[in-house]
Amino acid sequence: MSDITQTQKEIIILAEQGHAKSQTAMGIMYANGLGFPQDYKAAEKWYTRAAKQGYAQAQNNLGVMYDNGQGVPQDYKAAMKWLTRAAKQGIAEARFNLGLMYANGHGIPQDYAAAAKWYTLAAEQGDADAQFNLGVMYATGLGVPQDYKAAAKWLTLAAKQGHADAISNLGVMYANKAAKAAKTVFHWILPLLG
């Protein structure tokens, strides 16, 4: 613990006094091994303290821990509880994570329409992963009506944030569109060359 900075010492004091944001910071430090050895059980302890106070970021992080079984037994019901609380407070990451749970059927029946709802809320807040997933859903018609313009819109927004998969998928969409256009032109020109 000799690597703990003065700021981390202040966070520890505030966390022990019940300050939810500092408790969340403690959870993050333990979860990522920042100043402490990585310890998911300690992270869960701090996230739970803050989450019970209604601190949305802690609720999201705790939900992710339950979804992944990090430091706690994997429990999709608990994950849904905490992610829903955080999502209702407007946390984009929680909204995205709920979308994933619905899309994957984690602890609930798989529901692509519900996934699209949560992805849309997160995407509108600028979450690149949600924008990408929503773009794919529009491209494939999964949970939403198939709509290539909407797909291109969401993929473009994600691509502008450097989302590699969005860039790739957008490139494929445009290449397919170009190939179709070229094929149409070729069929128009071919008889003239005849």
N, C-alpha and C. Protein backbone atom coordinates (compact mmCIF):
# COMPACT_ATOMS: atom_id res chain seq x y z
N MET A 1 0.81 -1.20 0.00
CA MET A 1 0.00 0.00 0.00
C MET A 1 0.85 1.26 0.00
N SER A 2 2.13 1.12 -0.11
CA SER A 2 3.01 2.28 -0.11
C SER A 2 2.85 3.12 -1.37
N ASP A 3 2.20 2.57 -2.40
CA ASP A 3 2.00 3.29 -3.65
C ASP A 3 0.76 4.17 -3.62
N ILE A 4 0.08 4.25 -2.50
CA ILE A 4 -1.15 5.03 -2.40
C ILE A 4 -0.80 6.52 -2.40
N THR A 5 -1.48 7.27 -3.25
CA THR A 5 -1.24 8.71 -3.35
C THR A 5 -2.02 9.44 -2.25
N GLN A 6 -1.73 10.71 -2.10
CA GLN A 6 -2.46 11.54 -1.13
C GLN A 6 -3.94 11.59 -1.50
N THR A 7 -4.23 11.69 -2.78
CA THR A 7 -5.63 11.72 -3.23
C THR A 7 -6.34 10.42 -2.85
N GLN A 8 -5.66 9.29 -3.04
CA GLN A 8 -6.26 8.01 -2.67
C GLN A 8 -6.50 7.93 -1.17
N LYS A 9 -5.58 8.47 -0.37
CA LYS A 9 -5.76 8.49 1.09
C LYS A 9 -7.01 9.30 1.45
N GLU A 10 -7.20 10.42 0.78
CA GLU A 10 -8.39 11.24 1.04
C GLU A 10 -9.67 10.52 0.62
N ILE A 11 -9.59 9.78 -0.49
CA ILE A 11 -10.75 9.00 -0.94
C ILE A 11 -11.09 7.93 0.09
N ILE A 12 -10.08 7.28 0.64
CA ILE A 12 -10.31 6.24 1.66
C ILE A 12 -11.04 6.83 2.86
N ILE A 13 -10.58 7.98 3.33
CA ILE A 13 -11.20 8.63 4.49
C ILE A 13 -12.66 8.96 4.19
N LEU A 14 -12.90 9.57 3.05
CA LEU A 14 -14.28 9.94 2.67
C LEU A 14 -15.16 8.70 2.50
N ALA A 15 -14.61 7.65 1.89
CA ALA A 15 -15.37 6.41 1.69
C ALA A 15 -15.77 5.81 3.02
N GLU A 16 -14.83 5.79 3.96
CA GLU A 16 -15.12 5.23 5.28
C GLU A 16 -16.15 6.07 6.04
N GLN A 17 -16.26 7.35 5.66
CA GLN A 17 -17.26 8.23 6.28
C GLN A 17 -18.62 8.13 5.59
N GLY A 18 -18.71 7.29 4.54
CA GLY A 18 -19.99 7.07 3.89
C GLY A 18 -20.24 7.88 2.63
N HIS A 19 -19.24 8.54 2.11
CA HIS A 19 -19.38 9.34 0.88
C HIS A 19 -19.49 8.39 -0.32
N ALA A 20 -20.65 8.37 -0.97
CA ALA A 20 -20.95 7.39 -2.02
C ALA A 20 -19.99 7.47 -3.21
N LYS A 21 -19.68 8.67 -3.65
CA LYS A 21 -18.77 8.82 -4.80
C LYS A 21 -17.38 8.27 -4.45
N SER A 22 -16.93 8.51 -3.25
CA SER A 22 -15.63 7.99 -2.81
C SER A 22 -15.68 6.48 -2.65
N GLN A 23 -16.81 5.95 -2.16
CA GLN A 23 -16.96 4.50 -2.06
C GLN A 23 -16.90 3.86 -3.45
N THR A 24 -17.51 4.52 -4.42
CA THR A 24 -17.44 4.03 -5.80
C THR A 24 -16.01 4.07 -6.32
N ALA A 25 -15.30 5.16 -6.01
CA ALA A 25 -13.90 5.26 -6.40
C ALA A 25 -13.07 4.14 -5.78
N MET A 26 -13.37 3.80 -4.53
CA MET A 26 -12.67 2.67 -3.87
C MET A 26 -12.96 1.38 -4.63
N GLY A 27 -14.21 1.19 -5.01
CA GLY A 27 -14.57 0.00 -5.79
C GLY A 27 -13.80 -0.07 -7.09
N ILE A 28 -13.71 1.06 -7.76
CA ILE A 28 -12.98 1.11 -9.03
C ILE A 28 -11.49 0.80 -8.82
N MET A 29 -10.92 1.37 -7.75
CA MET A 29 -9.50 1.12 -7.49
C MET A 29 -9.25 -0.36 -7.20
N TYR A 30 -10.10 -0.97 -6.38
CA TYR A 30 -9.93 -2.41 -6.09
C TYR A 30 -10.20 -3.26 -7.33
N ALA A 31 -11.22 -2.93 -8.09
CA ALA A 31 -11.56 -3.73 -9.28
C ALA A 31 -10.44 -3.71 -10.31
N ASN A 32 -9.72 -2.58 -10.38
CA ASN A 32 -8.69 -2.42 -11.41
C ASN A 32 -7.26 -2.48 -10.87
N GLY A 33 -7.10 -2.76 -9.59
CA GLY A 33 -5.76 -2.84 -9.02
C GLY A 33 -5.01 -1.52 -9.04
N LEU A 34 -5.70 -0.44 -8.72
CA LEU A 34 -5.09 0.89 -8.72
C LEU A 34 -4.77 1.29 -7.28
N GLY A 35 -3.49 1.16 -6.88
CA GLY A 35 -3.09 1.49 -5.53
C GLY A 35 -3.27 0.33 -4.55
N PHE A 36 -4.00 -0.67 -4.95
CA PHE A 36 -4.24 -1.87 -4.15
C PHE A 36 -4.11 -3.07 -5.08
N PRO A 37 -3.82 -4.24 -4.52
CA PRO A 37 -3.90 -5.43 -5.37
C PRO A 37 -5.35 -5.60 -5.86
N GLN A 38 -5.53 -6.07 -7.06
CA GLN A 38 -6.87 -6.27 -7.59
C GLN A 38 -7.64 -7.21 -6.67
N ASP A 39 -8.84 -6.79 -6.27
CA ASP A 39 -9.63 -7.57 -5.31
C ASP A 39 -11.10 -7.30 -5.58
N TYR A 40 -11.74 -8.23 -6.32
CA TYR A 40 -13.14 -8.04 -6.70
C TYR A 40 -14.07 -8.08 -5.50
N LYS A 41 -13.74 -8.85 -4.48
CA LYS A 41 -14.60 -8.90 -3.29
C LYS A 41 -14.60 -7.54 -2.58
N ALA A 42 -13.43 -6.92 -2.48
CA ALA A 42 -13.36 -5.59 -1.87
C ALA A 42 -14.09 -4.57 -2.75
N ALA A 43 -13.95 -4.70 -4.06
CA ALA A 43 -14.66 -3.80 -4.98
C ALA A 43 -16.16 -3.92 -4.78
N GLU A 44 -16.64 -5.16 -4.69
CA GLU A 44 -18.08 -5.40 -4.48
C GLU A 44 -18.55 -4.76 -3.19
N LYS A 45 -17.75 -4.88 -2.13
CA LYS A 45 -18.12 -4.29 -0.83
C LYS A 45 -18.33 -2.78 -0.96
N TRP A 46 -17.39 -2.11 -1.62
CA TRP A 46 -17.49 -0.65 -1.75
C TRP A 46 -18.62 -0.25 -2.70
N TYR A 47 -18.75 -0.97 -3.81
CA TYR A 47 -19.85 -0.66 -4.73
C TYR A 47 -21.20 -0.84 -4.05
N THR A 48 -21.34 -1.90 -3.26
CA THR A 48 -22.61 -2.16 -2.58
C THR A 48 -22.96 -1.03 -1.63
N ARG A 49 -21.97 -0.57 -0.88
CA ARG A 49 -22.22 0.55 0.06
C ARG A 49 -22.75 1.77 -0.69
N ALA A 50 -22.12 2.11 -1.79
CA ALA A 50 -22.55 3.29 -2.56
C ALA A 50 -23.86 3.03 -3.28
N ALA A 51 -24.03 1.83 -3.81
CA ALA A 51 -25.25 1.49 -4.55
C ALA A 51 -26.47 1.56 -3.65
N LYS A 52 -26.33 1.12 -2.41
CA LYS A 52 -27.45 1.16 -1.46
C LYS A 52 -27.85 2.59 -1.11
N GLN A 53 -26.92 3.53 -1.34
CA GLN A 53 -27.22 4.95 -1.14
C GLN A 53 -27.85 5.57 -2.39
N GLY A 54 -27.99 4.76 -3.44
CA GLY A 54 -28.60 5.26 -4.67
C GLY A 54 -27.63 5.85 -5.67
N TYR A 55 -26.33 5.64 -5.47
CA TYR A 55 -25.33 6.21 -6.37
C TYR A 55 -25.30 5.38 -7.66
N ALA A 56 -25.70 5.99 -8.75
CA ALA A 56 -25.97 5.28 -10.01
C ALA A 56 -24.75 4.58 -10.60
N GLN A 57 -23.60 5.21 -10.59
CA GLN A 57 -22.41 4.57 -11.18
C GLN A 57 -22.04 3.30 -10.41
N ALA A 58 -22.19 3.35 -9.09
CA ALA A 58 -21.92 2.16 -8.28
C ALA A 58 -22.93 1.07 -8.59
N GLN A 59 -24.19 1.46 -8.79
CA GLN A 59 -25.22 0.48 -9.14
C GLN A 59 -24.88 -0.20 -10.45
N ASN A 60 -24.43 0.58 -11.44
CA ASN A 60 -24.04 -0.01 -12.72
C ASN A 60 -22.87 -0.97 -12.53
N ASN A 61 -21.83 -0.51 -11.84
CA ASN A 61 -20.64 -1.34 -11.66
C ASN A 61 -20.96 -2.63 -10.90
N LEU A 62 -21.83 -2.52 -9.90
CA LEU A 62 -22.24 -3.70 -9.14
C LEU A 62 -23.05 -4.65 -10.03
N GLY A 63 -23.92 -4.08 -10.85
CA GLY A 63 -24.69 -4.90 -11.79
C GLY A 63 -23.79 -5.67 -12.74
N VAL A 64 -22.75 -5.02 -13.23
CA VAL A 64 -21.80 -5.68 -14.12
C VAL A 64 -21.07 -6.81 -13.39
N MET A 65 -20.73 -6.57 -12.13
CA MET A 65 -20.05 -7.62 -11.35
C MET A 65 -20.96 -8.85 -11.22
N TYR A 66 -22.24 -8.62 -10.92
CA TYR A 66 -23.17 -9.75 -10.82
C TYR A 66 -23.38 -10.43 -12.17
N ASP A 67 -23.42 -9.66 -13.23
CA ASP A 67 -23.59 -10.24 -14.56
C ASP A 67 -22.41 -11.13 -14.92
N ASN A 68 -21.21 -10.68 -14.57
CA ASN A 68 -19.99 -11.41 -14.93
C ASN A 68 -19.52 -12.40 -13.86
N GLY A 69 -20.12 -12.33 -12.67
CA GLY A 69 -19.66 -13.20 -11.58
C GLY A 69 -18.28 -12.82 -11.08
N GLN A 70 -17.99 -11.53 -11.01
CA GLN A 70 -16.69 -11.05 -10.53
C GLN A 70 -16.81 -10.68 -9.05
N GLY A 71 -16.18 -11.45 -8.16
CA GLY A 71 -16.21 -11.16 -6.74
C GLY A 71 -17.50 -11.56 -6.06
N VAL A 72 -18.45 -11.99 -6.84
CA VAL A 72 -19.76 -12.44 -6.36
C VAL A 72 -20.18 -13.61 -7.23
N PRO A 73 -21.07 -14.46 -6.71
CA PRO A 73 -21.60 -15.50 -7.60
C PRO A 73 -22.38 -14.84 -8.74
N GLN A 74 -22.30 -15.40 -9.93
CA GLN A 74 -23.04 -14.85 -11.06
C GLN A 74 -24.53 -14.91 -10.73
N ASP A 75 -25.19 -13.76 -10.83
CA ASP A 75 -26.60 -13.66 -10.44
C ASP A 75 -27.27 -12.64 -11.36
N TYR A 76 -27.92 -13.15 -12.40
CA TYR A 76 -28.54 -12.25 -13.39
C TYR A 76 -29.67 -11.42 -12.79
N LYS A 77 -30.38 -11.98 -11.83
CA LYS A 77 -31.48 -11.24 -11.20
C LYS A 77 -30.93 -10.01 -10.45
N ALA A 78 -29.84 -10.22 -9.71
CA ALA A 78 -29.21 -9.09 -9.01
C ALA A 78 -28.62 -8.10 -10.02
N ALA A 79 -28.05 -8.62 -11.10
CA ALA A 79 -27.51 -7.74 -12.14
C ALA A 79 -28.62 -6.86 -12.71
N MET A 80 -29.75 -7.47 -13.04
CA MET A 80 -30.89 -6.70 -13.57
C MET A 80 -31.35 -5.64 -12.59
N LYS A 81 -31.43 -6.00 -11.32
CA LYS A 81 -31.88 -5.06 -10.28
C LYS A 81 -31.00 -3.82 -10.26
N TRP A 82 -29.69 -4.03 -10.17
CA TRP A 82 -28.78 -2.89 -10.05
C TRP A 82 -28.65 -2.11 -11.36
N LEU A 83 -28.61 -2.81 -12.47
CA LEU A 83 -28.51 -2.11 -13.76
C LEU A 83 -29.76 -1.30 -14.04
N THR A 84 -30.92 -1.84 -13.70
CA THR A 84 -32.17 -1.11 -13.92
C THR A 84 -32.20 0.17 -13.08
N ARG A 85 -31.77 0.07 -11.85
CA ARG A 85 -31.73 1.27 -10.99
C ARG A 85 -30.82 2.33 -11.58
N ALA A 86 -29.65 1.91 -12.05
CA ALA A 86 -28.71 2.87 -12.63
C ALA A 86 -29.24 3.43 -13.94
N ALA A 87 -29.84 2.57 -14.76
CA ALA A 87 -30.37 3.01 -16.06
C ALA A 87 -31.49 4.02 -15.87
N LYS A 88 -32.33 3.81 -14.88
CA LYS A 88 -33.44 4.74 -14.63
C LYS A 88 -32.93 6.10 -14.15
N GLN A 89 -31.69 6.14 -13.69
CA GLN A 89 -31.07 7.42 -13.30
C GLN A 89 -30.31 8.05 -14.46
N GLY A 90 -30.36 7.40 -15.63
CA GLY A 90 -29.78 8.00 -16.82
C GLY A 90 -28.35 7.60 -17.13
N ILE A 91 -27.82 6.57 -16.51
CA ILE A 91 -26.44 6.15 -16.78
C ILE A 91 -26.42 5.39 -18.11
N ALA A 92 -25.76 5.97 -19.11
CA ALA A 92 -25.74 5.38 -20.45
C ALA A 92 -25.15 3.97 -20.44
N GLU A 93 -24.08 3.77 -19.71
CA GLU A 93 -23.44 2.45 -19.66
C GLU A 93 -24.40 1.40 -19.10
N ALA A 94 -25.20 1.78 -18.10
CA ALA A 94 -26.18 0.85 -17.53
C ALA A 94 -27.27 0.53 -18.55
N ARG A 95 -27.68 1.53 -19.30
CA ARG A 95 -28.68 1.31 -20.34
C ARG A 95 -28.14 0.36 -21.41
N PHE A 96 -26.89 0.56 -21.79
CA PHE A 96 -26.26 -0.36 -22.74
C PHE A 96 -26.20 -1.77 -22.15
N ASN A 97 -25.76 -1.88 -20.89
CA ASN A 97 -25.64 -3.19 -20.25
C ASN A 97 -26.99 -3.90 -20.15
N LEU A 98 -28.06 -3.15 -19.88
CA LEU A 98 -29.39 -3.75 -19.87
C LEU A 98 -29.75 -4.26 -21.27
N GLY A 99 -29.41 -3.47 -22.28
CA GLY A 99 -29.63 -3.91 -23.66
C GLY A 99 -28.94 -5.24 -23.93
N LEU A 100 -27.72 -5.37 -23.45
CA LEU A 100 -26.98 -6.63 -23.62
C LEU A 100 -27.69 -7.78 -22.92
N MET A 101 -28.17 -7.52 -21.72
CA MET A 101 -28.83 -8.60 -20.98
C MET A 101 -30.08 -9.07 -21.71
N TYR A 102 -30.86 -8.13 -22.25
CA TYR A 102 -32.05 -8.51 -23.01
C TYR A 102 -31.68 -9.21 -24.31
N ALA A 103 -30.66 -8.69 -25.00
CA ALA A 103 -30.25 -9.29 -26.27
C ALA A 103 -29.73 -10.72 -26.08
N ASN A 104 -29.03 -10.94 -24.97
CA ASN A 104 -28.43 -12.25 -24.72
C ASN A 104 -29.32 -13.18 -23.91
N GLY A 105 -30.43 -12.66 -23.39
CA GLY A 105 -31.31 -13.48 -22.56
C GLY A 105 -30.66 -13.89 -21.25
N HIS A 106 -29.89 -12.99 -20.64
CA HIS A 106 -29.24 -13.29 -19.37
C HIS A 106 -30.23 -13.15 -18.22
N GLY A 107 -30.72 -14.27 -17.74
CA GLY A 107 -31.63 -14.27 -16.60
C GLY A 107 -33.05 -13.86 -16.90
N ILE A 108 -33.30 -13.56 -18.15
CA ILE A 108 -34.62 -13.14 -18.61
C ILE A 108 -34.84 -13.73 -19.99
N PRO A 109 -36.08 -13.82 -20.42
CA PRO A 109 -36.28 -14.27 -21.81
C PRO A 109 -35.61 -13.29 -22.78
N GLN A 110 -34.98 -13.83 -23.81
CA GLN A 110 -34.36 -12.98 -24.82
C GLN A 110 -35.43 -12.10 -25.46
N ASP A 111 -35.16 -10.80 -25.53
CA ASP A 111 -36.15 -9.84 -26.02
C ASP A 111 -35.41 -8.74 -26.78
N TYR A 112 -35.36 -8.90 -28.11
CA TYR A 112 -34.62 -7.94 -28.93
C TYR A 112 -35.27 -6.56 -28.95
N ALA A 113 -36.59 -6.50 -28.85
CA ALA A 113 -37.25 -5.19 -28.82
C ALA A 113 -36.87 -4.43 -27.55
N ALA A 114 -36.82 -5.12 -26.43
CA ALA A 114 -36.39 -4.47 -25.18
C ALA A 114 -34.92 -4.08 -25.28
N ALA A 115 -34.11 -4.93 -25.88
CA ALA A 115 -32.69 -4.60 -26.07
C ALA A 115 -32.57 -3.32 -26.89
N ALA A 116 -33.34 -3.23 -27.97
CA ALA A 116 -33.30 -2.04 -28.83
C ALA A 116 -33.72 -0.80 -28.07
N LYS A 117 -34.70 -0.93 -27.19
CA LYS A 117 -35.16 0.21 -26.38
C LYS A 117 -34.01 0.74 -25.53
N TRP A 118 -33.33 -0.16 -24.82
CA TRP A 118 -32.24 0.27 -23.95
C TRP A 118 -31.04 0.75 -24.74
N TYR A 119 -30.73 0.08 -25.86
CA TYR A 119 -29.65 0.56 -26.72
C TYR A 119 -29.94 1.97 -27.24
N THR A 120 -31.20 2.21 -27.62
CA THR A 120 -31.56 3.53 -28.14
C THR A 120 -31.32 4.61 -27.09
N LEU A 121 -31.74 4.34 -25.86
CA LEU A 121 -31.53 5.34 -24.80
C LEU A 121 -30.05 5.61 -24.59
N ALA A 122 -29.24 4.57 -24.59
CA ALA A 122 -27.79 4.75 -24.42
C ALA A 122 -27.17 5.40 -25.64
N ALA A 123 -27.61 4.99 -26.82
CA ALA A 123 -27.07 5.55 -28.07
C ALA A 123 -27.35 7.04 -28.18
N GLU A 124 -28.54 7.44 -27.76
CA GLU A 124 -28.89 8.87 -27.79
C GLU A 124 -28.02 9.68 -26.84
N GLN A 125 -27.43 9.01 -25.85
CA GLN A 125 -26.52 9.68 -24.93
C GLN A 125 -25.07 9.64 -25.44
N GLY A 126 -24.87 9.03 -26.61
CA GLY A 126 -23.54 9.01 -27.20
C GLY A 126 -22.72 7.77 -26.92
N ASP A 127 -23.32 6.72 -26.36
CA ASP A 127 -22.58 5.49 -26.09
C ASP A 127 -22.29 4.78 -27.42
N ALA A 128 -21.00 4.70 -27.78
CA ALA A 128 -20.61 4.14 -29.08
C ALA A 128 -20.97 2.67 -29.23
N ASP A 129 -20.83 1.90 -28.15
CA ASP A 129 -21.19 0.47 -28.24
C ASP A 129 -22.68 0.31 -28.48
N ALA A 130 -23.48 1.13 -27.83
CA ALA A 130 -24.94 1.07 -28.03
C ALA A 130 -25.28 1.52 -29.46
N GLN A 131 -24.60 2.54 -29.94
CA GLN A 131 -24.84 3.00 -31.32
C GLN A 131 -24.52 1.88 -32.31
N PHE A 132 -23.41 1.20 -32.07
CA PHE A 132 -23.04 0.10 -32.95
C PHE A 132 -24.08 -1.01 -32.91
N ASN A 133 -24.44 -1.46 -31.71
CA ASN A 133 -25.41 -2.55 -31.59
C ASN A 133 -26.75 -2.17 -32.20
N LEU A 134 -27.16 -0.94 -31.99
CA LEU A 134 -28.43 -0.47 -32.56
C LEU A 134 -28.34 -0.43 -34.09
N GLY A 135 -27.21 0.01 -34.61
CA GLY A 135 -27.00 0.01 -36.06
C GLY A 135 -27.11 -1.38 -36.65
N VAL A 136 -26.51 -2.35 -35.97
CA VAL A 136 -26.59 -3.74 -36.43
C VAL A 136 -28.03 -4.24 -36.38
N MET A 137 -28.73 -3.87 -35.32
CA MET A 137 -30.13 -4.30 -35.19
C MET A 137 -30.98 -3.74 -36.34
N TYR A 138 -30.76 -2.47 -36.68
CA TYR A 138 -31.50 -1.89 -37.81
C TYR A 138 -31.10 -2.53 -39.13
N ALA A 139 -29.83 -2.85 -39.27
CA ALA A 139 -29.37 -3.48 -40.52
C ALA A 139 -29.97 -4.86 -40.71
N THR A 140 -30.16 -5.58 -39.61
CA THR A 140 -30.66 -6.95 -39.68
C THR A 140 -32.15 -7.08 -39.41
N GLY A 141 -32.77 -6.01 -38.88
CA GLY A 141 -34.18 -6.09 -38.53
C GLY A 141 -34.43 -6.88 -37.26
N LEU A 142 -33.46 -6.92 -36.39
CA LEU A 142 -33.57 -7.67 -35.15
C LEU A 142 -34.12 -6.76 -34.05
N GLY A 143 -35.39 -6.97 -33.65
CA GLY A 143 -36.01 -6.18 -32.60
C GLY A 143 -36.56 -4.85 -33.04
N VAL A 144 -36.24 -4.46 -34.27
CA VAL A 144 -36.71 -3.21 -34.87
C VAL A 144 -37.00 -3.48 -36.34
N PRO A 145 -37.80 -2.65 -36.97
CA PRO A 145 -37.98 -2.85 -38.42
C PRO A 145 -36.65 -2.62 -39.14
N GLN A 146 -36.38 -3.45 -40.15
CA GLN A 146 -35.13 -3.28 -40.91
C GLN A 146 -35.15 -1.92 -41.58
N ASP A 147 -34.08 -1.16 -41.38
CA ASP A 147 -34.02 0.20 -41.90
C ASP A 147 -32.54 0.55 -42.10
N TYR A 148 -32.10 0.48 -43.37
CA TYR A 148 -30.69 0.70 -43.66
C TYR A 148 -30.25 2.14 -43.40
N LYS A 149 -31.15 3.10 -43.57
CA LYS A 149 -30.79 4.49 -43.27
C LYS A 149 -30.53 4.66 -41.78
N ALA A 150 -31.40 4.08 -40.96
CA ALA A 150 -31.20 4.15 -39.51
C ALA A 150 -29.92 3.40 -39.13
N ALA A 151 -29.68 2.26 -39.77
CA ALA A 151 -28.46 1.50 -39.50
C ALA A 151 -27.23 2.35 -39.82
N ALA A 152 -27.24 2.99 -40.97
CA ALA A 152 -26.11 3.83 -41.37
C ALA A 152 -25.94 5.00 -40.41
N LYS A 153 -27.04 5.58 -39.96
CA LYS A 153 -26.98 6.70 -39.01
C LYS A 153 -26.25 6.28 -37.73
N TRP A 154 -26.70 5.18 -37.12
CA TRP A 154 -26.12 4.75 -35.84
C TRP A 154 -24.69 4.25 -36.01
N LEU A 155 -24.43 3.53 -37.09
CA LEU A 155 -23.07 3.05 -37.33
C LEU A 155 -22.11 4.23 -37.57
N THR A 156 -22.59 5.23 -38.29
CA THR A 156 -21.78 6.42 -38.54
C THR A 156 -21.44 7.14 -37.24
N LEU A 157 -22.43 7.28 -36.36
CA LEU A 157 -22.17 7.94 -35.08
C LEU A 157 -21.14 7.17 -34.26
N ALA A 158 -21.25 5.84 -34.25
CA ALA A 158 -20.27 5.03 -33.53
C ALA A 158 -18.90 5.12 -34.20
N ALA A 159 -18.88 5.08 -35.54
CA ALA A 159 -17.62 5.15 -36.28
C ALA A 159 -16.90 6.47 -36.02
N LYS A 160 -17.65 7.55 -35.91
CA LYS A 160 -17.05 8.86 -35.63
C LYS A 160 -16.36 8.90 -34.27
N GLN A 161 -16.72 7.95 -33.41
CA GLN A 161 -16.06 7.86 -32.10
C GLN A 161 -14.92 6.84 -32.13
N GLY A 162 -14.63 6.31 -33.32
CA GLY A 162 -13.52 5.38 -33.47
C GLY A 162 -13.87 3.93 -33.20
N HIS A 163 -15.15 3.60 -33.18
CA HIS A 163 -15.58 2.22 -32.93
C HIS A 163 -15.20 1.38 -34.15
N ALA A 164 -14.21 0.50 -33.99
CA ALA A 164 -13.65 -0.25 -35.11
C ALA A 164 -14.68 -1.13 -35.82
N ASP A 165 -15.53 -1.82 -35.07
CA ASP A 165 -16.54 -2.67 -35.70
C ASP A 165 -17.56 -1.85 -36.49
N ALA A 166 -17.88 -0.66 -35.97
CA ALA A 166 -18.82 0.21 -36.68
C ALA A 166 -18.20 0.68 -38.00
N ILE A 167 -16.92 1.02 -37.95
CA ILE A 167 -16.21 1.45 -39.17
C ILE A 167 -16.24 0.32 -40.19
N SER A 168 -15.94 -0.88 -39.74
CA SER A 168 -15.93 -2.04 -40.63
C SER A 168 -17.31 -2.31 -41.22
N ASN A 169 -18.33 -2.35 -40.36
CA ASN A 169 -19.69 -2.62 -40.85
C ASN A 169 -20.19 -1.54 -41.79
N LEU A 170 -19.85 -0.31 -41.48
CA LEU A 170 -20.25 0.79 -42.34
C LEU A 170 -19.58 0.66 -43.70
N GLY A 171 -18.30 0.29 -43.69
CA GLY A 171 -17.58 0.06 -44.95
C GLY A 171 -18.23 -1.04 -45.78
N VAL A 172 -18.63 -2.11 -45.13
CA VAL A 172 -19.31 -3.21 -45.83
C VAL A 172 -20.64 -2.74 -46.41
N MET A 173 -21.40 -1.96 -45.61
CA MET A 173 -22.68 -1.45 -46.10
C MET A 173 -22.48 -0.61 -47.36
N TYR A 174 -21.50 0.30 -47.31
CA TYR A 174 -21.26 1.16 -48.47
C TYR A 174 -20.71 0.37 -49.65
N ALA A 175 -19.87 -0.61 -49.37
CA ALA A 175 -19.34 -1.45 -50.45
C ALA A 175 -20.46 -2.23 -51.12
N ASN A 176 -21.37 -2.77 -50.33
CA ASN A 176 -22.51 -3.50 -50.89
C ASN A 176 -23.40 -2.59 -51.72
N LYS A 177 -23.60 -1.37 -51.21
CA LYS A 177 -24.41 -0.40 -51.95
C LYS A 177 -23.72 -0.03 -53.27
N ALA A 178 -22.40 0.15 -53.22
CA ALA A 178 -21.64 0.48 -54.43
C ALA A 178 -21.66 -0.68 -55.42
N ALA A 179 -21.55 -1.90 -54.89
CA ALA A 179 -21.57 -3.08 -55.76
C ALA A 179 -22.92 -3.20 -56.46
N LYS A 180 -23.99 -2.95 -55.72
CA LYS A 180 -25.32 -3.01 -56.33
C LYS A 180 -25.47 -1.94 -57.40
N ALA A 181 -24.96 -0.74 -57.10
CA ALA A 181 -25.04 0.35 -58.08
C ALA A 181 -24.22 0.02 -59.32
N ALA A 182 -23.02 -0.53 -59.11
CA ALA A 182 -22.16 -0.90 -60.24
C ALA A 182 -22.81 -1.98 -61.08
N LYS A 183 -23.45 -2.94 -60.44
CA LYS A 183 -24.12 -4.02 -61.16
C LYS A 183 -25.26 -3.46 -62.01
N THR A 184 -25.99 -2.50 -61.46
CA THR A 184 -27.08 -1.88 -62.21
C THR A 184 -26.53 -1.14 -63.43
N VAL A 185 -25.44 -0.38 -63.22
CA VAL A 185 -24.82 0.36 -64.33
C VAL A 185 -24.28 -0.63 -65.36
N PHE A 186 -23.65 -1.70 -64.90
CA PHE A 186 -23.10 -2.70 -65.81
C PHE A 186 -24.20 -3.29 -66.69
N HIS A 187 -25.35 -3.63 -66.10
CA HIS A 187 -26.46 -4.20 -66.87
C HIS A 187 -27.04 -3.17 -67.84
N TRP A 188 -26.92 -1.91 -67.55
CA TRP A 188 -27.40 -0.87 -68.43
C TRP A 188 -26.43 -0.65 -69.58
N ILE A 189 -25.10 -0.71 -69.27
CA ILE A 189 -24.07 -0.46 -70.27
C ILE A 189 -23.83 -1.66 -71.18
N LEU A 190 -23.91 -2.87 -70.65
CA LEU A 190 -23.60 -4.08 -71.39
C LEU A 190 -24.31 -4.15 -72.74
N PRO A 191 -25.62 -3.90 -72.83
CA PRO A 191 -26.28 -3.97 -74.15
C PRO A 191 -25.73 -2.94 -75.13
N LEU A 192 -25.25 -1.82 -74.61
CA LEU A 192 -24.72 -0.79 -75.49
C LEU A 192 -23.38 -1.20 -76.10
N LEU A 193 -22.64 -2.04 -75.38
CA LEU A 193 -21.34 -2.49 -75.86
C LEU A 193 -21.47 -3.63 -76.85
N GLY A 194 -22.61 -4.29 -76.80
CA GLY A 194 -22.91 -5.47 -77.54
C GLY A 194 -22.55 -5.67 -78.89
